[in-house]
Amino acid sequence: MAKQDVHVGAPLDPATLAALPYKERVARVSEAIGALGPREDAPNPPQAELSDADARAVLASLVDEAAVPADAWARAFLALVHAAPER
């Protein structure tokens, strides 16, 4: 697991967007998002203080909070998330 970079750009005026035809509105928002952050996106290095158990705990909390269908895939995923690491 690593830190995330969050890039915030200039706000888009809702009234300006509302006045545009839908296609142009989508293009304006897409261009604004595309202009955020560096051109080359490189992953941050892993944080040594975070373990595999921390990653599983994050996944488990996300799954536990979501409405997960009770099918074979979901059961297998939950078993993997809650499993102890094999070393």
N, C-alpha and C. Protein backbone atom coordinates (compact mmCIF):
# COMPACT_ATOMS: atom_id res chain seq x y z
N MET A 1 0.84 -1.17 0.00
CA MET A 1 0.00 0.00 0.00
C MET A 1 0.89 1.23 0.00
N ALA A 2 0.41 2.28 -0.63
CA ALA A 2 1.18 3.51 -0.72
C ALA A 2 0.26 4.71 -0.55
N LYS A 3 0.88 5.86 -0.34
CA LYS A 3 0.10 7.09 -0.24
C LYS A 3 -0.50 7.42 -1.60
N GLN A 4 -1.60 8.13 -1.59
CA GLN A 4 -2.23 8.59 -2.82
C GLN A 4 -1.96 10.07 -2.99
N ASP A 5 -1.78 10.48 -4.24
CA ASP A 5 -1.69 11.90 -4.56
C ASP A 5 -3.08 12.37 -4.97
N VAL A 6 -3.51 13.48 -4.42
CA VAL A 6 -4.81 14.05 -4.75
C VAL A 6 -4.56 15.41 -5.40
N HIS A 7 -5.11 15.60 -6.60
CA HIS A 7 -4.93 16.85 -7.33
C HIS A 7 -6.29 17.54 -7.43
N VAL A 8 -6.33 18.80 -7.03
CA VAL A 8 -7.56 19.58 -7.06
C VAL A 8 -7.34 20.76 -8.00
N GLY A 9 -8.23 20.91 -8.95
CA GLY A 9 -8.10 22.00 -9.91
C GLY A 9 -9.07 23.13 -9.61
N ALA A 10 -9.09 24.07 -10.51
CA ALA A 10 -10.00 25.21 -10.38
C ALA A 10 -11.44 24.71 -10.49
N PRO A 11 -12.35 25.29 -9.72
CA PRO A 11 -13.75 24.85 -9.80
C PRO A 11 -14.37 25.21 -11.15
N LEU A 12 -15.30 24.39 -11.57
CA LEU A 12 -16.06 24.66 -12.79
C LEU A 12 -17.39 25.27 -12.37
N ASP A 13 -17.73 26.39 -12.96
CA ASP A 13 -18.96 27.09 -12.61
C ASP A 13 -20.17 26.29 -13.09
N PRO A 14 -21.04 25.89 -12.18
CA PRO A 14 -22.22 25.10 -12.57
C PRO A 14 -23.10 25.81 -13.59
N ALA A 15 -23.25 27.12 -13.47
CA ALA A 15 -24.10 27.85 -14.41
C ALA A 15 -23.50 27.82 -15.81
N THR A 16 -22.18 27.93 -15.89
CA THR A 16 -21.50 27.87 -17.19
C THR A 16 -21.69 26.49 -17.81
N LEU A 17 -21.52 25.45 -16.99
CA LEU A 17 -21.71 24.10 -17.51
C LEU A 17 -23.16 23.86 -17.93
N ALA A 18 -24.10 24.35 -17.15
CA ALA A 18 -25.52 24.15 -17.46
C ALA A 18 -25.90 24.81 -18.78
N ALA A 19 -25.21 25.89 -19.14
CA ALA A 19 -25.53 26.61 -20.37
C ALA A 19 -24.99 25.89 -21.61
N LEU A 20 -24.09 24.95 -21.43
CA LEU A 20 -23.49 24.25 -22.56
C LEU A 20 -24.36 23.08 -23.00
N PRO A 21 -24.33 22.75 -24.29
CA PRO A 21 -24.97 21.51 -24.72
C PRO A 21 -24.28 20.33 -24.03
N TYR A 22 -25.00 19.24 -23.88
CA TYR A 22 -24.50 18.10 -23.11
C TYR A 22 -23.12 17.64 -23.59
N LYS A 23 -22.93 17.48 -24.89
CA LYS A 23 -21.66 16.99 -25.42
C LYS A 23 -20.51 17.92 -25.04
N GLU A 24 -20.72 19.23 -25.15
CA GLU A 24 -19.68 20.20 -24.78
C GLU A 24 -19.44 20.21 -23.27
N ARG A 25 -20.50 20.00 -22.50
CA ARG A 25 -20.37 19.95 -21.04
C ARG A 25 -19.47 18.77 -20.64
N VAL A 26 -19.72 17.62 -21.25
CA VAL A 26 -18.91 16.43 -20.97
C VAL A 26 -17.46 16.70 -21.37
N ALA A 27 -17.25 17.31 -22.53
CA ALA A 27 -15.89 17.60 -22.99
C ALA A 27 -15.18 18.56 -22.05
N ARG A 28 -15.88 19.59 -21.57
CA ARG A 28 -15.27 20.57 -20.66
C ARG A 28 -14.83 19.92 -19.36
N VAL A 29 -15.69 19.08 -18.79
CA VAL A 29 -15.35 18.39 -17.54
C VAL A 29 -14.20 17.42 -17.77
N SER A 30 -14.26 16.68 -18.87
CA SER A 30 -13.20 15.72 -19.18
C SER A 30 -11.85 16.42 -19.37
N GLU A 31 -11.85 17.55 -20.05
CA GLU A 31 -10.61 18.31 -20.24
C GLU A 31 -10.07 18.83 -18.91
N ALA A 32 -10.95 19.28 -18.04
CA ALA A 32 -10.52 19.79 -16.73
C ALA A 32 -9.89 18.67 -15.90
N ILE A 33 -10.49 17.50 -15.93
CA ILE A 33 -9.94 16.36 -15.20
C ILE A 33 -8.59 15.96 -15.79
N GLY A 34 -8.51 15.94 -17.12
CA GLY A 34 -7.27 15.56 -17.79
C GLY A 34 -6.12 16.51 -17.53
N ALA A 35 -6.43 17.75 -17.18
CA ALA A 35 -5.38 18.75 -16.93
C ALA A 35 -4.82 18.67 -15.52
N LEU A 36 -5.40 17.83 -14.67
CA LEU A 36 -4.93 17.72 -13.29
C LEU A 36 -3.70 16.83 -13.19
N GLY A 37 -2.83 17.15 -12.28
CA GLY A 37 -1.69 16.29 -11.97
C GLY A 37 -0.64 16.27 -13.07
N PRO A 38 0.41 15.49 -12.83
CA PRO A 38 1.48 15.40 -13.82
C PRO A 38 1.06 14.57 -15.02
N ARG A 39 1.70 14.79 -16.15
CA ARG A 39 1.39 14.04 -17.38
C ARG A 39 1.70 12.56 -17.20
N GLU A 40 2.86 12.26 -16.63
CA GLU A 40 3.26 10.87 -16.40
C GLU A 40 2.88 10.48 -14.99
N ASP A 41 1.99 9.53 -14.86
CA ASP A 41 1.54 9.09 -13.55
C ASP A 41 2.39 7.90 -13.12
N ALA A 42 3.15 8.09 -12.06
CA ALA A 42 3.98 7.01 -11.52
C ALA A 42 3.45 6.63 -10.14
N PRO A 43 3.39 5.34 -9.86
CA PRO A 43 2.91 4.93 -8.54
C PRO A 43 3.87 5.36 -7.44
N ASN A 44 3.32 5.67 -6.30
CA ASN A 44 4.15 5.99 -5.14
C ASN A 44 4.76 4.71 -4.60
N PRO A 45 5.95 4.80 -4.00
CA PRO A 45 6.56 3.59 -3.44
C PRO A 45 5.74 3.07 -2.27
N PRO A 46 5.75 1.76 -2.07
CA PRO A 46 5.01 1.19 -0.94
C PRO A 46 5.53 1.73 0.39
N GLN A 47 4.64 1.83 1.35
CA GLN A 47 5.03 2.26 2.68
C GLN A 47 5.42 1.02 3.48
N ALA A 48 6.67 0.98 3.91
CA ALA A 48 7.19 -0.19 4.61
C ALA A 48 6.43 -0.49 5.89
N GLU A 49 5.88 0.54 6.52
CA GLU A 49 5.20 0.32 7.80
C GLU A 49 3.83 -0.33 7.64
N LEU A 50 3.35 -0.46 6.41
CA LEU A 50 2.06 -1.11 6.17
C LEU A 50 2.31 -2.54 5.71
N SER A 51 1.64 -3.48 6.33
CA SER A 51 1.85 -4.89 6.03
C SER A 51 0.73 -5.44 5.15
N ASP A 52 0.89 -6.70 4.77
CA ASP A 52 -0.17 -7.39 4.04
C ASP A 52 -1.45 -7.44 4.86
N ALA A 53 -1.29 -7.58 6.17
CA ALA A 53 -2.47 -7.63 7.05
C ALA A 53 -3.23 -6.31 7.00
N ASP A 54 -2.50 -5.20 6.90
CA ASP A 54 -3.16 -3.90 6.78
C ASP A 54 -3.96 -3.82 5.49
N ALA A 55 -3.38 -4.30 4.40
CA ALA A 55 -4.07 -4.28 3.11
C ALA A 55 -5.33 -5.14 3.17
N ARG A 56 -5.22 -6.32 3.77
CA ARG A 56 -6.41 -7.18 3.91
C ARG A 56 -7.47 -6.52 4.79
N ALA A 57 -7.04 -5.82 5.83
CA ALA A 57 -7.99 -5.15 6.72
C ALA A 57 -8.75 -4.06 5.97
N VAL A 58 -8.06 -3.32 5.11
CA VAL A 58 -8.72 -2.29 4.31
C VAL A 58 -9.74 -2.93 3.38
N LEU A 59 -9.33 -3.99 2.67
CA LEU A 59 -10.27 -4.67 1.77
C LEU A 59 -11.46 -5.23 2.52
N ALA A 60 -11.20 -5.84 3.67
CA ALA A 60 -12.28 -6.42 4.46
C ALA A 60 -13.27 -5.36 4.89
N SER A 61 -12.77 -4.20 5.32
CA SER A 61 -13.69 -3.14 5.76
C SER A 61 -14.52 -2.62 4.60
N LEU A 62 -13.93 -2.52 3.41
CA LEU A 62 -14.69 -2.07 2.25
C LEU A 62 -15.76 -3.07 1.87
N VAL A 63 -15.40 -4.35 1.89
CA VAL A 63 -16.36 -5.38 1.53
C VAL A 63 -17.46 -5.48 2.58
N ASP A 64 -17.09 -5.40 3.85
CA ASP A 64 -18.08 -5.50 4.92
C ASP A 64 -19.10 -4.36 4.85
N GLU A 65 -18.67 -3.19 4.36
CA GLU A 65 -19.57 -2.03 4.28
C GLU A 65 -20.43 -2.06 3.03
N ALA A 66 -20.06 -2.87 2.05
CA ALA A 66 -20.78 -2.91 0.78
C ALA A 66 -21.82 -4.02 0.80
N ALA A 67 -22.79 -3.88 -0.07
CA ALA A 67 -23.78 -4.94 -0.25
C ALA A 67 -23.20 -5.93 -1.25
N VAL A 68 -22.68 -7.04 -0.75
CA VAL A 68 -22.02 -8.03 -1.61
C VAL A 68 -22.98 -9.18 -1.86
N PRO A 69 -23.19 -9.55 -3.13
CA PRO A 69 -24.07 -10.68 -3.41
C PRO A 69 -23.48 -11.96 -2.84
N ALA A 70 -24.34 -12.84 -2.37
CA ALA A 70 -23.90 -14.08 -1.74
C ALA A 70 -23.71 -15.16 -2.79
N ASP A 71 -22.85 -14.93 -3.74
CA ASP A 71 -22.57 -15.97 -4.74
C ASP A 71 -21.18 -16.55 -4.49
N ALA A 72 -20.79 -17.49 -5.31
CA ALA A 72 -19.52 -18.19 -5.10
C ALA A 72 -18.34 -17.24 -5.18
N TRP A 73 -18.39 -16.29 -6.11
CA TRP A 73 -17.27 -15.35 -6.25
C TRP A 73 -17.11 -14.52 -4.99
N ALA A 74 -18.19 -14.00 -4.48
CA ALA A 74 -18.12 -13.15 -3.29
C ALA A 74 -17.61 -13.95 -2.10
N ARG A 75 -18.06 -15.19 -1.94
CA ARG A 75 -17.58 -16.02 -0.83
C ARG A 75 -16.09 -16.29 -0.97
N ALA A 76 -15.63 -16.57 -2.19
CA ALA A 76 -14.20 -16.83 -2.41
C ALA A 76 -13.38 -15.58 -2.14
N PHE A 77 -13.88 -14.43 -2.57
CA PHE A 77 -13.16 -13.17 -2.33
C PHE A 77 -13.07 -12.87 -0.84
N LEU A 78 -14.17 -13.02 -0.15
CA LEU A 78 -14.17 -12.77 1.29
C LEU A 78 -13.22 -13.73 2.02
N ALA A 79 -13.18 -14.98 1.59
CA ALA A 79 -12.26 -15.94 2.20
C ALA A 79 -10.82 -15.52 1.98
N LEU A 80 -10.53 -15.02 0.78
CA LEU A 80 -9.18 -14.56 0.48
C LEU A 80 -8.82 -13.34 1.32
N VAL A 81 -9.73 -12.40 1.43
CA VAL A 81 -9.47 -11.17 2.19
C VAL A 81 -9.24 -11.47 3.66
N HIS A 82 -10.03 -12.38 4.21
CA HIS A 82 -9.93 -12.67 5.63
C HIS A 82 -8.88 -13.74 5.96
N ALA A 83 -8.28 -14.35 4.95
CA ALA A 83 -7.32 -15.43 5.17
C ALA A 83 -6.01 -14.90 5.75
N ALA A 84 -5.38 -15.73 6.54
CA ALA A 84 -4.05 -15.39 7.05
C ALA A 84 -3.04 -15.59 5.92
N PRO A 85 -1.99 -14.79 5.89
CA PRO A 85 -1.01 -14.91 4.81
C PRO A 85 -0.25 -16.24 4.92
N GLU A 86 0.04 -16.80 3.76
CA GLU A 86 0.84 -18.02 3.72
C GLU A 86 2.29 -17.62 3.57
N ARG A 87 3.12 -18.02 4.51
CA ARG A 87 4.54 -17.66 4.45
C ARG A 87 5.38 -18.87 4.69
